[in-house]
Amino acid sequence: MSDIVDADELLRRIRAARDWARNQEENASDDTAATAYRAVRRVLERLVDPSRATDR
């Protein structure tokens, strides 16, 4: 994680992590895991677009 990246690359990585969290949430084996991935996804969505309200 010591790579120096520009803003576009950082945004691409955040979006990839958000998509990964969404996939993990959908395929979680139990409610606890799904809730954890949902929390991660919501934080990443707010980083991508702070003005957009996340679903609850």
N, C-alpha and C. Protein backbone atom coordinates (compact mmCIF):
# COMPACT_ATOMS: atom_id res chain seq x y z
N MET A 1 0.81 -1.20 0.00
CA MET A 1 0.00 0.00 0.00
C MET A 1 0.86 1.26 0.00
N SER A 2 2.09 1.15 -0.43
CA SER A 2 2.94 2.34 -0.46
C SER A 2 3.00 2.96 -1.85
N ASP A 3 2.12 2.52 -2.74
CA ASP A 3 2.09 3.10 -4.08
C ASP A 3 1.57 4.53 -4.03
N ILE A 4 2.17 5.37 -4.83
CA ILE A 4 1.67 6.73 -4.98
C ILE A 4 0.73 6.71 -6.18
N VAL A 5 -0.51 7.14 -5.95
CA VAL A 5 -1.51 7.11 -7.01
C VAL A 5 -2.16 8.47 -7.15
N ASP A 6 -2.67 8.74 -8.35
CA ASP A 6 -3.38 9.98 -8.56
C ASP A 6 -4.85 9.80 -8.16
N ALA A 7 -5.61 10.87 -8.22
CA ALA A 7 -7.00 10.85 -7.77
C ALA A 7 -7.85 9.88 -8.58
N ASP A 8 -7.62 9.79 -9.87
CA ASP A 8 -8.41 8.88 -10.70
C ASP A 8 -8.17 7.43 -10.33
N GLU A 9 -6.91 7.08 -10.07
CA GLU A 9 -6.59 5.72 -9.68
C GLU A 9 -7.16 5.40 -8.29
N LEU A 10 -7.09 6.36 -7.40
CA LEU A 10 -7.66 6.16 -6.06
C LEU A 10 -9.16 5.93 -6.15
N LEU A 11 -9.85 6.71 -6.95
CA LEU A 11 -11.29 6.55 -7.13
C LEU A 11 -11.61 5.19 -7.75
N ARG A 12 -10.81 4.76 -8.72
CA ARG A 12 -11.00 3.45 -9.34
C ARG A 12 -10.86 2.33 -8.30
N ARG A 13 -9.88 2.45 -7.43
CA ARG A 13 -9.66 1.43 -6.40
C ARG A 13 -10.79 1.42 -5.37
N ILE A 14 -11.27 2.59 -5.00
CA ILE A 14 -12.39 2.66 -4.06
C ILE A 14 -13.63 2.03 -4.68
N ARG A 15 -13.89 2.33 -5.94
CA ARG A 15 -15.05 1.74 -6.62
C ARG A 15 -14.93 0.23 -6.72
N ALA A 16 -13.73 -0.27 -6.99
CA ALA A 16 -13.52 -1.71 -7.06
C ALA A 16 -13.77 -2.35 -5.70
N ALA A 17 -13.31 -1.71 -4.65
CA ALA A 17 -13.54 -2.23 -3.29
C ALA A 17 -15.03 -2.21 -2.96
N ARG A 18 -15.73 -1.15 -3.36
CA ARG A 18 -17.17 -1.05 -3.13
C ARG A 18 -17.91 -2.18 -3.85
N ASP A 19 -17.54 -2.43 -5.09
CA ASP A 19 -18.18 -3.50 -5.86
C ASP A 19 -17.89 -4.87 -5.23
N TRP A 20 -16.67 -5.05 -4.75
CA TRP A 20 -16.31 -6.29 -4.07
C TRP A 20 -17.17 -6.47 -2.81
N ALA A 21 -17.31 -5.40 -2.03
CA ALA A 21 -18.11 -5.48 -0.80
C ALA A 21 -19.57 -5.79 -1.12
N ARG A 22 -20.10 -5.21 -2.20
CA ARG A 22 -21.47 -5.50 -2.61
C ARG A 22 -21.63 -6.98 -2.97
N ASN A 23 -20.67 -7.52 -3.70
CA ASN A 23 -20.71 -8.93 -4.07
C ASN A 23 -20.64 -9.82 -2.82
N GLN A 24 -19.76 -9.48 -1.90
CA GLN A 24 -19.64 -10.26 -0.67
C GLN A 24 -20.91 -10.18 0.16
N GLU A 25 -21.53 -9.01 0.18
CA GLU A 25 -22.79 -8.83 0.92
C GLU A 25 -23.88 -9.72 0.35
N GLU A 26 -23.97 -9.76 -0.97
CA GLU A 26 -25.00 -10.57 -1.63
C GLU A 26 -24.78 -12.06 -1.43
N ASN A 27 -23.53 -12.48 -1.30
CA ASN A 27 -23.21 -13.90 -1.18
C ASN A 27 -22.82 -14.31 0.24
N ALA A 28 -23.10 -13.47 1.21
CA ALA A 28 -22.73 -13.77 2.59
C ALA A 28 -23.48 -14.99 3.10
N SER A 29 -22.80 -15.75 3.93
CA SER A 29 -23.40 -16.99 4.43
C SER A 29 -24.35 -16.76 5.60
N ASP A 30 -24.27 -15.59 6.24
CA ASP A 30 -25.18 -15.30 7.35
C ASP A 30 -25.44 -13.80 7.45
N ASP A 31 -26.38 -13.44 8.30
CA ASP A 31 -26.78 -12.04 8.43
C ASP A 31 -25.68 -11.17 9.01
N THR A 32 -24.88 -11.72 9.90
CA THR A 32 -23.81 -10.94 10.52
C THR A 32 -22.78 -10.52 9.47
N ALA A 33 -22.38 -11.46 8.64
CA ALA A 33 -21.42 -11.15 7.59
C ALA A 33 -22.01 -10.16 6.59
N ALA A 34 -23.26 -10.36 6.22
CA ALA A 34 -23.91 -9.44 5.28
C ALA A 34 -23.97 -8.02 5.85
N THR A 35 -24.25 -7.91 7.13
CA THR A 35 -24.30 -6.60 7.78
C THR A 35 -22.94 -5.93 7.78
N ALA A 36 -21.90 -6.69 8.02
CA ALA A 36 -20.54 -6.13 8.02
C ALA A 36 -20.16 -5.63 6.63
N TYR A 37 -20.43 -6.41 5.61
CA TYR A 37 -20.11 -5.99 4.24
C TYR A 37 -20.97 -4.80 3.82
N ARG A 38 -22.22 -4.75 4.27
CA ARG A 38 -23.10 -3.63 3.96
C ARG A 38 -22.53 -2.34 4.55
N ALA A 39 -22.01 -2.42 5.77
CA ALA A 39 -21.42 -1.24 6.40
C ALA A 39 -20.21 -0.75 5.62
N VAL A 40 -19.36 -1.67 5.20
CA VAL A 40 -18.19 -1.31 4.41
C VAL A 40 -18.62 -0.68 3.09
N ARG A 41 -19.60 -1.29 2.44
CA ARG A 41 -20.09 -0.78 1.16
C ARG A 41 -20.64 0.64 1.31
N ARG A 42 -21.39 0.88 2.36
CA ARG A 42 -21.97 2.21 2.55
C ARG A 42 -20.90 3.27 2.76
N VAL A 43 -19.87 2.94 3.51
CA VAL A 43 -18.78 3.90 3.72
C VAL A 43 -18.09 4.20 2.39
N LEU A 44 -17.83 3.17 1.61
CA LEU A 44 -17.17 3.38 0.32
C LEU A 44 -18.06 4.16 -0.64
N GLU A 45 -19.36 3.93 -0.59
CA GLU A 45 -20.27 4.71 -1.44
C GLU A 45 -20.25 6.18 -1.05
N ARG A 46 -20.17 6.47 0.24
CA ARG A 46 -20.10 7.87 0.67
C ARG A 46 -18.80 8.53 0.23
N LEU A 47 -17.71 7.75 0.18
CA LEU A 47 -16.45 8.30 -0.31
C LEU A 47 -16.52 8.62 -1.80
N VAL A 48 -17.19 7.77 -2.56
CA VAL A 48 -17.31 7.98 -3.99
C VAL A 48 -18.21 9.18 -4.27
N ASP A 49 -19.34 9.28 -3.58
CA ASP A 49 -20.29 10.36 -3.80
C ASP A 49 -20.89 10.81 -2.48
N PRO A 50 -20.28 11.79 -1.83
CA PRO A 50 -20.74 12.24 -0.51
C PRO A 50 -22.14 12.82 -0.52
N SER A 51 -22.62 13.31 -1.65
CA SER A 51 -23.94 13.94 -1.69
C SER A 51 -25.06 12.92 -1.85
N ARG A 52 -24.72 11.71 -2.24
CA ARG A 52 -25.72 10.67 -2.49
C ARG A 52 -26.08 9.97 -1.19
N ALA A 53 -27.37 9.88 -0.93
CA ALA A 53 -27.83 9.16 0.26
C ALA A 53 -27.71 7.66 0.01
N THR A 54 -27.19 6.94 0.99
CA THR A 54 -27.07 5.49 0.85
C THR A 54 -28.35 4.84 1.30
N ASP A 55 -28.64 3.67 0.73
CA ASP A 55 -29.83 2.94 1.13
C ASP A 55 -29.65 2.38 2.53
N ARG A 56 -30.72 2.19 3.20
CA ARG A 56 -30.64 1.69 4.58
C ARG A 56 -31.10 0.30 4.69
